[in-house]
Amino acid sequence: MINDPIDFSPLDPLRDARALDARIAAIARDAVIPRPADLVAELAALTRPALAAAAVIAALAMYPLVHRPAPRRVTTAEILGVPAAVVELARADTPPGVVDLAEALDAEVPRAR
């Protein structure tokens, strides 16, 4: 094992006072934060990105309004679930008989196998 003392003198910042002052001045010069411009100038710098974002949002919001499929016409009988054969019988000029009504209702019932 070596018992020689370690020489820390090259790390001593006070060894060269001019170099220390130059380093401190450089750090202080680089650390100075420029004063911000006034509020109006800051907001003016953000107007172009804000307007671009607003245009994109408006275009995306308009898509469902412009590209809407045409609504399908639905009759009251379809909403109520009345079979189409019964609706045709009701529209006929002659009143349907009981057999006609039974056949119209029977045509709409699915058969079990």
Protein backbone atom coordinates (compact mmCIF):
# COMPACT_ATOMS: atom_id res chain seq x y z
CA MET A 1 0.00 0.00 0.00
CA ILE A 2 1.29 3.49 -0.86
CA ASN A 3 1.13 6.08 1.91
CA ASP A 4 2.09 9.09 -0.21
CA PRO A 5 -0.20 12.07 0.37
CA ILE A 6 -2.39 13.18 -2.55
CA ASP A 7 -1.65 16.63 -3.92
CA PHE A 8 -4.93 18.56 -4.32
CA SER A 9 -3.29 21.90 -5.08
CA PRO A 10 -4.25 21.86 -8.82
CA LEU A 11 -7.91 21.79 -7.76
CA ASP A 12 -7.58 24.87 -5.52
CA PRO A 13 -9.81 27.59 -7.08
CA LEU A 14 -8.12 30.37 -5.11
CA ARG A 15 -4.69 29.58 -6.58
CA ASP A 16 -5.29 31.90 -9.59
CA ALA A 17 -7.61 34.79 -8.65
CA ARG A 18 -7.92 36.16 -12.20
CA ALA A 19 -8.95 32.80 -13.68
CA LEU A 20 -11.50 32.38 -10.88
CA ASP A 21 -12.97 35.82 -11.52
CA ALA A 22 -13.13 35.13 -15.27
CA ARG A 23 -14.96 31.83 -14.68
CA ILE A 24 -17.44 33.46 -12.28
CA ALA A 25 -18.11 36.30 -14.75
CA ALA A 26 -18.66 33.82 -17.62
CA ILE A 27 -21.10 31.76 -15.54
CA ALA A 28 -22.99 34.88 -14.45
CA ARG A 29 -23.09 36.19 -18.03
CA ASP A 30 -24.49 32.90 -19.34
CA ALA A 31 -27.00 32.67 -16.49
CA VAL A 32 -28.62 36.02 -17.15
CA ILE A 33 -32.16 35.46 -18.38
CA PRO A 34 -33.29 38.01 -20.95
CA ARG A 35 -36.19 40.16 -19.90
CA PRO A 36 -39.42 38.99 -21.51
CA ALA A 37 -41.21 41.24 -23.94
CA ASP A 38 -44.51 42.76 -23.02
CA LEU A 39 -47.65 40.66 -22.77
CA VAL A 40 -49.05 41.82 -26.10
CA ALA A 41 -45.91 40.71 -27.93
CA GLU A 42 -46.01 37.32 -26.22
CA LEU A 43 -49.65 36.81 -27.20
CA ALA A 44 -48.97 38.01 -30.74
CA ALA A 45 -46.28 35.36 -31.09
CA LEU A 46 -48.83 32.68 -30.23
CA THR A 47 -51.57 33.79 -32.63
CA ARG A 48 -50.43 31.81 -35.68
CA PRO A 49 -50.19 28.45 -33.86
CA ALA A 50 -53.47 29.14 -32.07
CA LEU A 51 -55.25 29.99 -35.32
CA ALA A 52 -53.83 26.87 -36.99
CA ALA A 53 -55.06 24.70 -34.13
CA ALA A 54 -58.49 26.36 -34.26
CA ALA A 55 -58.70 25.72 -38.01
CA VAL A 56 -57.90 22.03 -37.53
CA ILE A 57 -60.49 21.69 -34.76
CA ALA A 58 -63.12 23.49 -36.85
CA ALA A 59 -62.42 21.25 -39.85
CA LEU A 60 -62.74 18.11 -37.74
CA ALA A 61 -65.95 19.39 -36.16
CA MET A 62 -67.50 20.17 -39.55
CA TYR A 63 -67.01 16.67 -40.94
CA PRO A 64 -70.01 15.05 -39.19
CA LEU A 65 -72.22 17.98 -40.19
CA VAL A 66 -71.30 17.90 -43.88
CA HIS A 67 -70.96 14.15 -44.47
CA ARG A 68 -74.15 12.96 -42.88
CA PRO A 69 -76.04 10.07 -44.50
CA ALA A 70 -79.57 10.87 -45.59
CA PRO A 71 -82.09 9.72 -43.00
CA ARG A 72 -84.19 6.71 -43.97
CA ARG A 73 -87.91 7.31 -44.01
CA VAL A 74 -89.59 5.22 -41.33
CA THR A 75 -93.32 4.69 -41.12
CA THR A 76 -95.33 4.59 -37.93
CA ALA A 77 -96.20 0.95 -38.61
CA GLU A 78 -92.49 0.06 -38.72
CA ILE A 79 -91.89 1.90 -35.45
CA LEU A 80 -94.78 0.06 -33.79
CA GLY A 81 -93.71 -3.29 -35.23
CA VAL A 82 -96.84 -3.92 -37.30
CA PRO A 83 -96.12 -6.58 -39.96
CA ALA A 84 -95.96 -5.33 -43.55
CA ALA A 85 -98.62 -7.83 -44.67
CA VAL A 86 -101.09 -6.41 -42.14
CA VAL A 87 -100.34 -2.87 -43.36
CA GLU A 88 -101.08 -3.95 -46.95
CA LEU A 89 -104.38 -5.45 -45.84
CA ALA A 90 -105.30 -2.22 -44.06
CA ARG A 91 -104.55 -0.20 -47.20
CA ALA A 92 -106.72 -2.40 -49.42
CA ASP A 93 -110.02 -1.05 -50.71
CA THR A 94 -111.99 -4.08 -49.52
CA PRO A 95 -112.09 -5.03 -45.87
CA PRO A 96 -110.02 -8.15 -45.15
CA GLY A 97 -111.56 -11.30 -43.81
CA VAL A 98 -110.46 -13.22 -40.79
CA VAL A 99 -108.62 -15.75 -42.99
CA ASP A 100 -106.72 -12.98 -44.78
CA LEU A 101 -105.71 -11.46 -41.45
CA ALA A 102 -104.62 -14.85 -40.08
CA GLU A 103 -102.55 -15.55 -43.21
CA ALA A 104 -100.91 -12.08 -43.01
CA LEU A 105 -100.01 -12.62 -39.38
CA ASP A 106 -98.90 -16.21 -40.03
CA ALA A 107 -96.56 -15.10 -42.84
CA GLU A 108 -94.61 -12.89 -40.44
CA VAL A 109 -94.07 -15.59 -37.77
CA PRO A 110 -90.82 -17.55 -38.32
CA ARG A 111 -91.24 -21.33 -38.37
CA ALA A 112 -89.37 -23.52 -35.91
CA ARG A 113 -87.64 -26.57 -37.38
